[in-house]
PDB file of N, CA and C in Angstrom:
ATOM      1  N   UNK A   1       0.860  -1.177   0.000  1.00  0.00           N
ATOM      2  CA  UNK A   1       0.000   0.000   0.000  1.00  0.00           C
ATOM      3  C   UNK A   1       0.900   1.232   0.000  1.00  0.00           C
ATOM      4  N   UNK A   2       0.574   2.172  -0.844  1.00  0.00           N
ATOM      5  CA  UNK A   2       1.406   3.371  -0.942  1.00  0.00           C
ATOM      6  C   UNK A   2       1.227   4.253   0.297  1.00  0.00           C
ATOM      7  N   UNK A   3       2.201   5.128   0.483  1.00  0.00           N
ATOM      8  CA  UNK A   3       2.157   6.018   1.649  1.00  0.00           C
ATOM      9  C   UNK A   3       0.985   6.983   1.581  1.00  0.00           C
ATOM     10  N   UNK A   4       0.620   7.407   0.375  1.00  0.00           N
ATOM     11  CA  UNK A   4      -0.493   8.343   0.236  1.00  0.00           C
ATOM     12  C   UNK A   4      -1.794   7.690   0.667  1.00  0.00           C
ATOM     13  N   UNK A   5      -2.011   6.460   0.217  1.00  0.00           N
ATOM     14  CA  UNK A   5      -3.234   5.748   0.586  1.00  0.00           C
ATOM     15  C   UNK A   5      -3.248   5.470   2.088  1.00  0.00           C
ATOM     16  N   UNK A   6      -2.104   5.065   2.633  1.00  0.00           N
ATOM     17  CA  UNK A   6      -2.025   4.792   4.067  1.00  0.00           C
ATOM     18  C   UNK A   6      -2.311   6.055   4.877  1.00  0.00           C
ATOM     19  N   UNK A   7      -1.715   7.168   4.468  1.00  0.00           N
ATOM     20  CA  UNK A   7      -1.947   8.435   5.174  1.00  0.00           C
ATOM     21  C   UNK A   7      -3.398   8.878   5.058  1.00  0.00           C
ATOM     22  N   UNK A   8      -3.977   8.670   3.883  1.00  0.00           N
ATOM     23  CA  UNK A   8      -5.379   9.038   3.683  1.00  0.00           C
ATOM     24  C   UNK A   8      -6.285   8.201   4.589  1.00  0.00           C
ATOM     25  N   UNK A   9      -6.031   6.922   4.656  1.00  0.00           N
ATOM     26  CA  UNK A   9      -6.849   6.062   5.521  1.00  0.00           C
ATOM     27  C   UNK A   9      -6.644   6.398   6.994  1.00  0.00           C
ATOM     28  N   UNK A  10      -5.432   6.749   7.352  1.00  0.00           N
ATOM     29  CA  UNK A  10      -5.173   7.144   8.736  1.00  0.00           C
ATOM     30  C   UNK A  10      -5.978   8.389   9.098  1.00  0.00           C
ATOM     31  N   UNK A  11      -6.083   9.324   8.169  1.00  0.00           N
ATOM     32  CA  UNK A  11      -6.900  10.512   8.422  1.00  0.00           C
ATOM     33  C   UNK A  11      -8.388  10.171   8.432  1.00  0.00           C
ATOM     34  N   UNK A  12      -8.810   9.182   7.623  1.00  0.00           N
ATOM     35  CA  UNK A  12     -10.199   8.731   7.678  1.00  0.00           C
ATOM     36  C   UNK A  12     -10.524   8.163   9.049  1.00  0.00           C
ATOM     37  N   UNK A  13      -9.542   7.649   9.733  1.00  0.00           N
ATOM     38  CA  UNK A  13      -9.750   7.067  11.061  1.00  0.00           C
ATOM     39  C   UNK A  13      -9.626   8.133  12.144  1.00  0.00           C
ATOM     40  N   UNK A  14      -8.540   8.901  12.112  1.00  0.00           N
ATOM     41  CA  UNK A  14      -8.235   9.801  13.227  1.00  0.00           C
ATOM     42  C   UNK A  14      -9.121  11.050  13.293  1.00  0.00           C
ATOM     43  N   UNK A  15      -9.397  11.670  12.152  1.00  0.00           N
ATOM     44  CA  UNK A  15     -10.150  12.930  12.198  1.00  0.00           C
ATOM     45  C   UNK A  15     -11.592  12.736  12.661  1.00  0.00           C
ATOM     46  N   UNK A  16     -12.382  11.821  12.075  1.00  0.00           N
ATOM     47  CA  UNK A  16     -13.756  11.655  12.577  1.00  0.00           C
ATOM     48  C   UNK A  16     -13.791  11.167  14.025  1.00  0.00           C
ATOM     49  N   UNK A  17     -12.834  10.318  14.392  1.00  0.00           N
ATOM     50  CA  UNK A  17     -12.839   9.838  15.778  1.00  0.00           C
ATOM     51  C   UNK A  17     -12.480  10.963  16.746  1.00  0.00           C
ATOM     52  N   UNK A  18     -11.603  11.880  16.332  1.00  0.00           N
ATOM     53  CA  UNK A  18     -11.284  13.042  17.155  1.00  0.00           C
ATOM     54  C   UNK A  18     -12.523  13.908  17.369  1.00  0.00           C
ATOM     55  N   UNK A  19     -13.239  14.175  16.282  1.00  0.00           N
ATOM     56  CA  UNK A  19     -14.442  15.010  16.390  1.00  0.00           C
ATOM     57  C   UNK A  19     -15.497  14.359  17.276  1.00  0.00           C
ATOM     58  N   UNK A  20     -15.700  13.057  17.127  1.00  0.00           N
ATOM     59  CA  UNK A  20     -16.699  12.370  17.954  1.00  0.00           C
ATOM     60  C   UNK A  20     -16.255  12.297  19.411  1.00  0.00           C
ATOM     61  N   UNK A  21     -14.968  12.166  19.663  1.00  0.00           N
ATOM     62  CA  UNK A  21     -14.487  12.193  21.047  1.00  0.00           C
ATOM     63  C   UNK A  21     -14.769  13.554  21.678  1.00  0.00           C
ATOM     64  N   UNK A  22     -14.627  14.617  20.893  1.00  0.00           N
ATOM     65  CA  UNK A  22     -14.961  15.958  21.404  1.00  0.00           C
ATOM     66  C   UNK A  22     -16.438  16.052  21.746  1.00  0.00           C
ATOM     67  N   UNK A  23     -17.286  15.522  20.878  1.00  0.00           N
ATOM     68  CA  UNK A  23     -18.736  15.559  21.123  1.00  0.00           C
ATOM     69  C   UNK A  23     -19.085  14.749  22.371  1.00  0.00           C
ATOM     70  N   UNK A  24     -18.529  13.558  22.483  1.00  0.00           N
ATOM     71  CA  UNK A  24     -18.807  12.730  23.670  1.00  0.00           C
ATOM     72  C   UNK A  24     -18.330  13.420  24.943  1.00  0.00           C
ATOM     73  N   UNK A  25     -17.161  14.040  24.861  1.00  0.00           N
ATOM     74  CA  UNK A  25     -16.625  14.751  26.029  1.00  0.00           C
ATOM     75  C   UNK A  25     -17.572  15.872  26.456  1.00  0.00           C
ATOM     76  N   UNK A  26     -18.074  16.608  25.494  1.00  0.00           N
ATOM     77  CA  UNK A  26     -19.010  17.695  25.812  1.00  0.00           C
ATOM     78  C   UNK A  26     -20.288  17.167  26.450  1.00  0.00           C
ATOM     79  N   UNK A  27     -20.858  16.107  25.886  1.00  0.00           N
ATOM     80  CA  UNK A  27     -22.093  15.549  26.434  1.00  0.00           C
ATOM     81  C   UNK A  27     -21.900  14.970  27.834  1.00  0.00           C
ATOM     82  N   UNK A  28     -20.841  14.197  28.013  1.00  0.00           N
ATOM     83  CA  UNK A  28     -20.624  13.553  29.317  1.00  0.00           C
ATOM     84  C   UNK A  28     -20.403  14.586  30.407  1.00  0.00           C
ATOM     85  N   UNK A  29     -19.547  15.562  30.142  1.00  0.00           N
ATOM     86  CA  UNK A  29     -19.236  16.517  31.200  1.00  0.00           C
ATOM     87  C   UNK A  29     -20.213  17.675  31.274  1.00  0.00           C
ATOM     88  N   UNK A  30     -21.175  17.725  30.381  1.00  0.00           N
ATOM     89  CA  UNK A  30     -22.302  18.640  30.562  1.00  0.00           C
ATOM     90  C   UNK A  30     -23.250  18.070  31.614  1.00  0.00           C
ATOM     91  N   UNK A  31     -23.235  16.751  31.768  1.00  0.00           N
ATOM     92  CA  UNK A  31     -24.119  16.087  32.724  1.00  0.00           C
ATOM     93  C   UNK A  31     -23.438  15.702  34.031  1.00  0.00           C
ATOM     94  N   UNK A  32     -22.117  15.600  34.030  1.00  0.00           N
ATOM     95  CA  UNK A  32     -21.390  15.127  35.228  1.00  0.00           C
ATOM     96  C   UNK A  32     -20.286  16.103  35.603  1.00  0.00           C
ATOM     97  N   UNK A  33     -20.032  16.198  36.883  1.00  0.00           N
ATOM     98  CA  UNK A  33     -18.898  16.965  37.378  1.00  0.00           C
ATOM     99  C   UNK A  33     -17.764  15.987  37.680  1.00  0.00           C
ATOM    100  N   UNK A  34     -16.579  16.181  37.113  1.00  0.00           N
ATOM    101  CA  UNK A  34     -15.480  15.234  37.343  1.00  0.00           C
ATOM    102  C   UNK A  34     -15.100  15.078  38.808  1.00  0.00           C
ATOM    103  N   UNK A  35     -15.263  16.121  39.600  1.00  0.00           N
ATOM    104  CA  UNK A  35     -14.897  16.027  41.014  1.00  0.00           C
ATOM    105  C   UNK A  35     -15.930  15.245  41.832  1.00  0.00           C
ATOM    106  N   UNK A  36     -17.126  15.067  41.291  1.00  0.00           N
ATOM    107  CA  UNK A  36     -18.160  14.306  41.992  1.00  0.00           C
ATOM    108  C   UNK A  36     -18.187  12.836  41.569  1.00  0.00           C
ATOM    109  N   UNK A  37     -17.317  12.451  40.641  1.00  0.00           N
ATOM    110  CA  UNK A  37     -17.308  11.069  40.157  1.00  0.00           C
ATOM    111  C   UNK A  37     -16.660  10.143  41.176  1.00  0.00           C
ATOM    112  N   UNK A  38     -17.141   8.907  41.179  1.00  0.00           N
ATOM    113  CA  UNK A  38     -16.587   7.877  42.063  1.00  0.00           C
ATOM    114  C   UNK A  38     -16.227   6.653  41.238  1.00  0.00           C
ATOM    115  N   UNK A  39     -15.211   5.928  41.708  1.00  0.00           N
ATOM    116  CA  UNK A  39     -14.800   4.674  41.089  1.00  0.00           C
ATOM    117  C   UNK A  39     -14.739   3.617  42.178  1.00  0.00           C
ATOM    118  N   UNK A  40     -15.602   2.626  42.064  1.00  0.00           N
ATOM    119  CA  UNK A  40     -15.717   1.537  43.047  1.00  0.00           C
ATOM    120  C   UNK A  40     -15.989   2.092  44.452  1.00  0.00           C
ATOM    121  N   UNK A  41     -16.849   3.075  44.523  1.00  0.00           N
ATOM    122  CA  UNK A  41     -17.259   3.630  45.805  1.00  0.00           C
ATOM    123  C   UNK A  41     -16.302   4.655  46.389  1.00  0.00           C
ATOM    124  N   UNK A  42     -15.177   4.882  45.743  1.00  0.00           N
ATOM    125  CA  UNK A  42     -14.192   5.842  46.242  1.00  0.00           C
ATOM    126  C   UNK A  42     -14.161   7.051  45.306  1.00  0.00           C
ATOM    127  N   UNK A  43     -14.063   8.259  45.869  1.00  0.00           N
ATOM    128  CA  UNK A  43     -13.987   9.436  44.990  1.00  0.00           C
ATOM    129  C   UNK A  43     -12.682   9.425  44.189  1.00  0.00           C
ATOM    130  N   UNK A  44     -12.770   9.934  42.981  1.00  0.00           N
ATOM    131  CA  UNK A  44     -11.580  10.029  42.136  1.00  0.00           C
ATOM    132  C   UNK A  44     -10.723  11.174  42.659  1.00  0.00           C
ATOM    133  N   UNK A  45      -9.453  10.912  42.898  1.00  0.00           N
ATOM    134  CA  UNK A  45      -8.579  11.887  43.544  1.00  0.00           C
ATOM    135  C   UNK A  45      -7.749  12.705  42.559  1.00  0.00           C
ATOM    136  N   UNK A  46      -8.136  12.716  41.296  1.00  0.00           N
ATOM    137  CA  UNK A  46      -7.395  13.465  40.289  1.00  0.00           C
ATOM    138  C   UNK A  46      -8.077  14.797  40.027  1.00  0.00           C
ATOM    139  N   UNK A  47      -7.328  15.727  39.468  1.00  0.00           N
ATOM    140  CA  UNK A  47      -7.883  17.040  39.160  1.00  0.00           C
ATOM    141  C   UNK A  47      -8.879  16.934  38.001  1.00  0.00           C
ATOM    142  N   UNK A  48      -9.667  17.986  37.833  1.00  0.00           N
ATOM    143  CA  UNK A  48     -10.629  18.007  36.725  1.00  0.00           C
ATOM    144  C   UNK A  48      -9.922  17.859  35.373  1.00  0.00           C
ATOM    145  N   UNK A  49      -8.810  18.562  35.213  1.00  0.00           N
ATOM    146  CA  UNK A  49      -8.096  18.500  33.934  1.00  0.00           C
ATOM    147  C   UNK A  49      -7.590  17.093  33.646  1.00  0.00           C
ATOM    148  N   UNK A  50      -7.134  16.398  34.665  1.00  0.00           N
ATOM    149  CA  UNK A  50      -6.657  15.029  34.469  1.00  0.00           C
ATOM    150  C   UNK A  50      -7.815  14.116  34.064  1.00  0.00           C
ATOM    151  N   UNK A  51      -8.955  14.285  34.703  1.00  0.00           N
ATOM    152  CA  UNK A  51     -10.128  13.470  34.359  1.00  0.00           C
ATOM    153  C   UNK A  51     -10.608  13.800  32.954  1.00  0.00           C
ATOM    154  N   UNK A  52     -10.629  15.082  32.600  1.00  0.00           N
ATOM    155  CA  UNK A  52     -11.021  15.483  31.246  1.00  0.00           C
ATOM    156  C   UNK A  52     -10.079  14.858  30.210  1.00  0.00           C
ATOM    157  N   UNK A  53      -8.791  14.926  30.468  1.00  0.00           N
ATOM    158  CA  UNK A  53      -7.798  14.418  29.513  1.00  0.00           C
ATOM    159  C   UNK A  53      -7.891  12.918  29.331  1.00  0.00           C
ATOM    160  N   UNK A  54      -7.921  12.201  30.442  1.00  0.00           N
ATOM    161  CA  UNK A  54      -8.000  10.731  30.367  1.00  0.00           C
ATOM    162  C   UNK A  54      -9.286  10.301  29.682  1.00  0.00           C
ATOM    163  N   UNK A  55     -10.379  10.934  30.021  1.00  0.00           N
ATOM    164  CA  UNK A  55     -11.664  10.586  29.416  1.00  0.00           C
ATOM    165  C   UNK A  55     -11.668  10.895  27.929  1.00  0.00           C
ATOM    166  N   UNK A  56     -11.087  12.040  27.542  1.00  0.00           N
ATOM    167  CA  UNK A  56     -11.025  12.375  26.123  1.00  0.00           C
ATOM    168  C   UNK A  56     -10.238  11.320  25.354  1.00  0.00           C
ATOM    169  N   UNK A  57      -9.077  10.934  25.859  1.00  0.00           N
ATOM    170  CA  UNK A  57      -8.280   9.934  25.144  1.00  0.00           C
ATOM    171  C   UNK A  57      -8.964   8.567  25.130  1.00  0.00           C
ATOM    172  N   UNK A  58      -9.716   8.251  26.172  1.00  0.00           N
ATOM    173  CA  UNK A  58     -10.499   7.008  26.158  1.00  0.00           C
ATOM    174  C   UNK A  58     -11.566   7.069  25.068  1.00  0.00           C
ATOM    175  N   UNK A  59     -12.285   8.191  24.978  1.00  0.00           N
ATOM    176  CA  UNK A  59     -13.303   8.343  23.936  1.00  0.00           C
ATOM    177  C   UNK A  59     -12.664   8.322  22.546  1.00  0.00           C
ATOM    178  N   UNK A  60     -11.492   8.945  22.420  1.00  0.00           N
ATOM    179  CA  UNK A  60     -10.810   8.957  21.127  1.00  0.00           C
ATOM    180  C   UNK A  60     -10.385   7.544  20.735  1.00  0.00           C
ATOM    181  N   UNK A  61      -9.897   6.769  21.678  1.00  0.00           N
ATOM    182  CA  UNK A  61      -9.526   5.377  21.413  1.00  0.00           C
ATOM    183  C   UNK A  61     -10.750   4.562  21.008  1.00  0.00           C
ATOM    184  N   UNK A  62     -11.846   4.759  21.707  1.00  0.00           N
ATOM    185  CA  UNK A  62     -13.073   4.019  21.417  1.00  0.00           C
ATOM    186  C   UNK A  62     -13.612   4.366  20.026  1.00  0.00           C
ATOM    187  N   UNK A  63     -13.712   5.640  19.716  1.00  0.00           N
ATOM    188  CA  UNK A  63     -14.234   6.031  18.413  1.00  0.00           C
ATOM    189  C   UNK A  63     -13.219   5.756  17.300  1.00  0.00           C
ATOM    190  N   UNK A  64     -11.930   5.800  17.615  1.00  0.00           N
ATOM    191  CA  UNK A  64     -10.902   5.441  16.636  1.00  0.00           C
ATOM    192  C   UNK A  64     -10.966   3.971  16.266  1.00  0.00           C
ATOM    193  N   UNK A  65     -11.241   3.129  17.248  1.00  0.00           N
ATOM    194  CA  UNK A  65     -11.406   1.702  16.979  1.00  0.00           C
ATOM    195  C   UNK A  65     -12.599   1.472  16.058  1.00  0.00           C
ATOM    196  N   UNK A  66     -13.669   2.185  16.305  1.00  0.00           N
ATOM    197  CA  UNK A  66     -14.844   2.073  15.448  1.00  0.00           C
ATOM    198  C   UNK A  66     -14.539   2.529  14.027  1.00  0.00           C
ATOM    199  N   UNK A  67     -13.854   3.649  13.877  1.00  0.00           N
ATOM    200  CA  UNK A  67     -13.495   4.144  12.550  1.00  0.00           C
ATOM    201  C   UNK A  67     -12.521   3.206  11.839  1.00  0.00           C
ATOM    202  N   UNK A  68     -11.584   2.642  12.580  1.00  0.00           N
ATOM    203  CA  UNK A  68     -10.629   1.706  11.980  1.00  0.00           C
ATOM    204  C   UNK A  68     -11.330   0.447  11.485  1.00  0.00           C
ATOM    205  N   UNK A  69     -12.271  -0.039  12.256  1.00  0.00           N
ATOM    206  CA  UNK A  69     -13.021  -1.218  11.829  1.00  0.00           C
ATOM    207  C   UNK A  69     -13.848  -0.908  10.586  1.00  0.00           C
ATOM    208  N   UNK A  70     -14.451   0.256  10.528  1.00  0.00           N
ATOM    209  CA  UNK A  70     -15.211   0.663   9.346  1.00  0.00           C
ATOM    210  C   UNK A  70     -14.297   0.759   8.125  1.00  0.00           C
ATOM    211  N   UNK A  71     -13.121   1.339   8.286  1.00  0.00           N
ATOM    212  CA  UNK A  71     -12.172   1.456   7.185  1.00  0.00           C
ATOM    213  C   UNK A  71     -11.688   0.079   6.730  1.00  0.00           C
ATOM    214  N   UNK A  72     -11.439  -0.804   7.668  1.00  0.00           N
ATOM    215  CA  UNK A  72     -11.010  -2.160   7.326  1.00  0.00           C
ATOM    216  C   UNK A  72     -12.084  -2.899   6.538  1.00  0.00           C
ATOM    217  N   UNK A  73     -13.321  -2.771   6.962  1.00  0.00           N
ATOM    218  CA  UNK A  73     -14.409  -3.494   6.297  1.00  0.00           C
ATOM    219  C   UNK A  73     -14.833  -2.852   4.977  1.00  0.00           C
ATOM    220  N   UNK A  74     -14.387  -1.641   4.700  1.00  0.00           N
ATOM    221  CA  UNK A  74     -14.770  -0.978   3.448  1.00  0.00           C
ATOM    222  C   UNK A  74     -13.774  -1.225   2.322  1.00  0.00           C
ATOM    223  N   UNK A  75     -12.772  -2.054   2.556  1.00  0.00           N
ATOM    224  CA  UNK A  75     -11.787  -2.346   1.509  1.00  0.00           C
ATOM    225  C   UNK A  75     -12.438  -3.103   0.361  1.00  0.00           C
ATOM    226  N   UNK A  76     -11.994  -2.812  -0.849  1.00  0.00           N
ATOM    227  CA  UNK A  76     -12.545  -3.464  -2.032  1.00  0.00           C
ATOM    228  C   UNK A  76     -11.962  -4.868  -2.176  1.00  0.00           C
ATOM    229  N   UNK A  77     -12.620  -5.733  -2.941  1.00  0.00           N
ATOM    230  CA  UNK A  77     -12.074  -7.078  -3.171  1.00  0.00           C
ATOM    231  C   UNK A  77     -10.689  -7.035  -3.827  1.00  0.00           C
ATOM    232  N   UNK A  78     -10.446  -6.050  -4.691  1.00  0.00           N
ATOM    233  CA  UNK A  78      -9.127  -5.936  -5.309  1.00  0.00           C
ATOM    234  C   UNK A  78      -8.053  -5.714  -4.249  1.00  0.00           C
ATOM    235  N   UNK A  79      -8.312  -4.829  -3.297  1.00  0.00           N
ATOM    236  CA  UNK A  79      -7.321  -4.539  -2.257  1.00  0.00           C
ATOM    237  C   UNK A  79      -7.057  -5.748  -1.374  1.00  0.00           C
ATOM    238  N   UNK A  80      -8.088  -6.524  -1.124  1.00  0.00           N
ATOM    239  CA  UNK A  80      -7.939  -7.680  -0.246  1.00  0.00           C
ATOM    240  C   UNK A  80      -7.195  -8.807  -0.952  1.00  0.00           C
ATOM    241  N   UNK A  81      -7.472  -9.033  -2.227  1.00  0.00           N
ATOM    242  CA  UNK A  81      -6.964 -10.207  -2.930  1.00  0.00           C
ATOM    243  C   UNK A  81      -5.707  -9.978  -3.756  1.00  0.00           C
ATOM    244  N   UNK A  82      -5.235  -8.765  -3.864  1.00  0.00           N
ATOM    245  CA  UNK A  82      -4.075  -8.532  -4.719  1.00  0.00           C
ATOM    246  C   UNK A  82      -2.793  -9.030  -4.059  1.00  0.00           C
ATOM    247  N   UNK A  83      -1.833  -9.344  -4.910  1.00  0.00           N
ATOM    248  CA  UNK A  83      -0.527  -9.793  -4.440  1.00  0.00           C
ATOM    249  C   UNK A  83       0.286  -8.570  -4.031  1.00  0.00           C
ATOM    250  N   UNK A  84       0.903  -8.586  -2.854  1.00  0.00           N
ATOM    251  CA  UNK A  84       1.622  -7.397  -2.383  1.00  0.00           C
ATOM    252  C   UNK A  84       2.987  -7.197  -3.031  1.00  0.00           C
ATOM    253  N   UNK A  85       3.450  -8.153  -3.826  1.00  0.00           N
ATOM    254  CA  UNK A  85       4.780  -8.069  -4.425  1.00  0.00           C
ATOM    255  C   UNK A  85       4.713  -7.488  -5.833  1.00  0.00           C
ATOM    256  N   UNK A  86       5.820  -6.908  -6.264  1.00  0.00           N
ATOM    257  CA  UNK A  86       5.943  -6.450  -7.647  1.00  0.00           C
ATOM    258  C   UNK A  86       5.977  -7.669  -8.550  1.00  0.00           C
ATOM    259  N   UNK A  87       5.675  -7.481  -9.818  1.00  0.00           N
ATOM    260  CA  UNK A  87       5.581  -8.585 -10.768  1.00  0.00           C
ATOM    261  C   UNK A  87       6.884  -9.372 -10.853  1.00  0.00           C
ATOM    262  N   UNK A  88       8.017  -8.714 -10.830  1.00  0.00           N
ATOM    263  CA  UNK A  88       9.311  -9.398 -10.947  1.00  0.00           C
ATOM    264  C   UNK A  88       9.717 -10.128  -9.672  1.00  0.00           C
ATOM    265  N   UNK A  89       9.147  -9.763  -8.524  1.00  0.00           N
ATOM    266  CA  UNK A  89       9.543 -10.347  -7.241  1.00  0.00           C
ATOM    267  C   UNK A  89       8.566 -11.392  -6.727  1.00  0.00           C
ATOM    268  N   UNK A  90       7.529 -11.691  -7.467  1.00  0.00           N
ATOM    269  CA  UNK A  90       6.480 -12.574  -6.982  1.00  0.00           C
ATOM    270  C   UNK A  90       6.934 -14.024  -6.898  1.00  0.00           C
ATOM    271  N   UNK A  91       6.580 -14.700  -5.814  1.00  0.00           N
ATOM    272  CA  UNK A  91       6.825 -16.139  -5.747  1.00  0.00           C
ATOM    273  C   UNK A  91       5.799 -16.867  -6.620  1.00  0.00           C
ATOM    274  N   UNK A  92       6.036 -18.142  -6.857  1.00  0.00           N
ATOM    275  CA  UNK A  92       5.160 -18.916  -7.736  1.00  0.00           C
ATOM    276  C   UNK A  92       3.744 -19.021  -7.188  1.00  0.00           C
ATOM    277  N   UNK A  93       3.584 -18.989  -5.885  1.00  0.00           N
ATOM    278  CA  UNK A  93       2.248 -19.126  -5.292  1.00  0.00           C
ATOM    279  C   UNK A  93       1.416 -17.857  -5.448  1.00  0.00           C
ATOM    280  N   UNK A  94       2.047 -16.777  -5.838  1.00  0.00           N
ATOM    281  CA  UNK A  94       1.350 -15.510  -6.013  1.00  0.00           C
ATOM    282  C   UNK A  94       1.297 -15.171  -7.493  1.00  0.00           C
ATOM    283  N   UNK A  95       0.491 -15.900  -8.213  1.00  0.00           N
ATOM    284  CA  UNK A  95       0.451 -15.727  -9.662  1.00  0.00           C
ATOM    285  C   UNK A  95      -0.695 -14.836 -10.105  1.00  0.00           C
ATOM    286  N   UNK A  96      -1.181 -14.013  -9.233  1.00  0.00           N
ATOM    287  CA  UNK A  96      -2.294 -13.122  -9.584  1.00  0.00           C
ATOM    288  C   UNK A  96      -1.826 -12.054 -10.551  1.00  0.00           C
ATOM    289  N   UNK A  97      -2.732 -11.644 -11.405  1.00  0.00           N
ATOM    290  CA  UNK A  97      -2.383 -10.617 -12.398  1.00  0.00           C
ATOM    291  C   UNK A  97      -2.185  -9.269 -11.713  1.00  0.00           C
ATOM    292  N   UNK A  98      -1.343  -8.477 -12.345  1.00  0.00           N
ATOM    293  CA  UNK A  98      -1.119  -7.140 -11.811  1.00  0.00           C
ATOM    294  C   UNK A  98      -2.110  -6.188 -12.459  1.00  0.00           C
ATOM    295  N   UNK A  99      -2.698  -5.362 -11.642  1.00  0.00           N
ATOM    296  CA  UNK A  99      -3.647  -4.373 -12.132  1.00  0.00           C
ATOM    297  C   UNK A  99      -3.271  -3.038 -11.500  1.00  0.00           C
ATOM    298  N   UNK A 100      -3.089  -2.036 -12.301  1.00  0.00           N
ATOM    299  CA  UNK A 100      -2.763  -0.705 -11.780  1.00  0.00           C
ATOM    300  C   UNK A 100      -4.010   0.128 -11.621  1.00  0.00           C
ATOM    301  N   UNK A 101      -5.032  -0.469 -11.044  1.00  0.00           N
ATOM    302  CA  UNK A 101      -6.312   0.212 -10.854  1.00  0.00           C
ATOM    303  C   UNK A 101      -6.228   1.227  -9.762  1.00  0.00           C
TER     304      UNK A 101
END
């Protein structure tokens, strides 16, 4: 896979997941105060900024996983079945035709 395609797919994953993590962060902390949160019956002893940051990165990881799975499942049959080697370097078991589509 070329670097341009890889970079493009990486942006398809990271940018929408970043935006959705921002939306989730706004909704969650519009309803909850980080200093009033508890974990297993004990109050969280971190500052608001630490809770905001950790929660944002958790939401970004969660939505990034969703975007990555969507990108993985949207691959075309050509991308899935093509031989990754150049025509001159192909082993005998990889006799698929080359297509510059």
